[in-house]
Amino acid sequence: MEKGEVSLKLGSIKDKLVKIKTKQDRLEADNAKLKEKAAQLELELKEAKSKSQRLEKDYDRVKLAKTLVSSSGDKAEMKFRVNELVREIDKCIALLNR
């Protein structure tokens, strides 16, 4: 191989390395953006789950209040709801005692 051929091949390899490095840098930047977006989406999901749980609890309270206020309310339903609340309170007490 002549010096000219070696220089050309070396130059070609250097060009390819520069392109690879550029692509790697771009991919690393894209990866960082995607990780940030994933973290943001996880936070939004956590907030949505929390809101959903609050709404379910509010719905249960409204349903219980409606049962208690209703003059024609079913006594069995009211008893069931009260027992359910007592069980939930017992669970909370058990957690606090740990």
Protein backbone atom coordinates (compact mmCIF):
# COMPACT_ATOMS: atom_id res chain seq x y z
CA MET A 1 0.00 0.00 0.00
CA GLU A 2 1.19 3.43 -0.82
CA LYS A 3 1.26 6.34 1.59
CA GLY A 4 -1.47 8.07 -0.42
CA GLU A 5 -3.79 5.06 -0.12
CA VAL A 6 -3.14 4.78 3.62
CA SER A 7 -3.84 8.49 4.06
CA LEU A 8 -7.11 8.18 2.11
CA LYS A 9 -8.23 5.17 4.12
CA LEU A 10 -7.23 6.88 7.37
CA GLY A 11 -9.16 9.99 6.35
CA SER A 12 -12.17 7.86 5.47
CA ILE A 13 -12.02 6.15 8.86
CA LYS A 14 -11.75 9.52 10.62
CA ASP A 15 -14.80 10.81 8.71
CA LYS A 16 -16.79 7.73 9.68
CA LEU A 17 -15.75 8.12 13.33
CA VAL A 18 -16.87 11.76 13.31
CA LYS A 19 -20.23 10.74 11.84
CA ILE A 20 -20.62 7.97 14.41
CA LYS A 21 -19.73 10.34 17.25
CA THR A 22 -22.23 12.92 15.96
CA LYS A 23 -24.94 10.28 15.74
CA GLN A 24 -24.08 8.99 19.23
CA ASP A 25 -24.34 12.52 20.66
CA ARG A 26 -27.71 13.03 18.97
CA LEU A 27 -28.99 9.67 20.24
CA GLU A 28 -27.82 10.45 23.77
CA ALA A 29 -29.65 13.80 23.64
CA ASP A 30 -32.79 12.07 22.32
CA ASN A 31 -32.50 9.45 25.08
CA ALA A 32 -32.24 12.16 27.75
CA LYS A 33 -35.36 13.88 26.36
CA LEU A 34 -37.26 10.58 26.32
CA LYS A 35 -36.25 9.82 29.91
CA GLU A 36 -37.45 13.27 30.96
CA LYS A 37 -40.74 12.76 29.12
CA ALA A 38 -41.17 9.31 30.73
CA ALA A 39 -40.62 10.80 34.18
CA GLN A 40 -43.16 13.53 33.42
CA LEU A 41 -45.71 10.96 32.21
CA GLU A 42 -45.15 8.83 35.32
CA LEU A 43 -45.83 11.87 37.49
CA GLU A 44 -49.00 12.66 35.53
CA LEU A 45 -50.12 9.04 35.88
CA LYS A 46 -49.49 9.10 39.62
CA GLU A 47 -51.49 12.34 39.91
CA ALA A 48 -54.33 10.87 37.82
CA LYS A 49 -54.45 7.75 40.01
CA SER A 50 -54.51 9.90 43.13
CA LYS A 51 -57.33 12.01 41.71
CA SER A 52 -59.24 8.88 40.74
CA GLN A 53 -58.92 7.50 44.27
CA ARG A 54 -60.12 10.80 45.75
CA LEU A 55 -63.09 10.85 43.39
CA GLU A 56 -63.98 7.25 44.29
CA LYS A 57 -63.89 8.14 47.99
CA ASP A 58 -65.99 11.23 47.36
CA TYR A 59 -68.47 9.14 45.39
CA ASP A 60 -68.69 6.62 48.22
CA ARG A 61 -69.31 9.45 50.71
CA VAL A 62 -72.03 10.93 48.52
CA LYS A 63 -73.60 7.52 48.10
CA LEU A 64 -73.50 6.96 51.87
CA ALA A 65 -74.94 10.41 52.55
CA LYS A 66 -77.69 9.79 50.02
CA THR A 67 -78.48 6.47 51.69
CA LEU A 68 -78.58 8.08 55.12
CA VAL A 69 -80.69 11.05 54.00
CA SER A 70 -83.11 9.05 51.95
CA SER A 71 -86.23 8.39 53.97
CA SER A 72 -87.03 5.41 51.79
CA GLY A 73 -83.44 4.17 51.93
CA ASP A 74 -82.86 0.48 52.32
CA LYS A 75 -81.82 -0.29 55.91
CA ALA A 76 -79.74 -3.25 54.77
CA GLU A 77 -77.76 -0.99 52.43
CA MET A 78 -77.25 1.53 55.20
CA LYS A 79 -76.09 -1.20 57.60
CA PHE A 80 -73.73 -2.57 54.95
CA ARG A 81 -72.23 0.89 54.37
CA VAL A 82 -71.75 1.51 58.09
CA ASN A 83 -70.08 -1.88 58.49
CA GLU A 84 -67.87 -1.12 55.50
CA LEU A 85 -66.81 2.16 57.07
CA VAL A 86 -66.09 0.44 60.38
CA ARG A 87 -63.88 -2.11 58.61
CA GLU A 88 -62.03 0.69 56.84
CA ILE A 89 -61.52 2.49 60.15
CA ASP A 90 -60.25 -0.75 61.73
CA LYS A 91 -57.75 -1.14 58.89
CA CYS A 92 -56.52 2.41 59.45
CA ILE A 93 -56.13 1.79 63.18
CA ALA A 94 -54.22 -1.42 62.48
CA LEU A 95 -51.88 0.48 60.14
CA LEU A 96 -51.31 3.15 62.77
CA ASN A 97 -50.48 0.53 65.39
CA ARG A 98 -47.68 -0.94 63.27
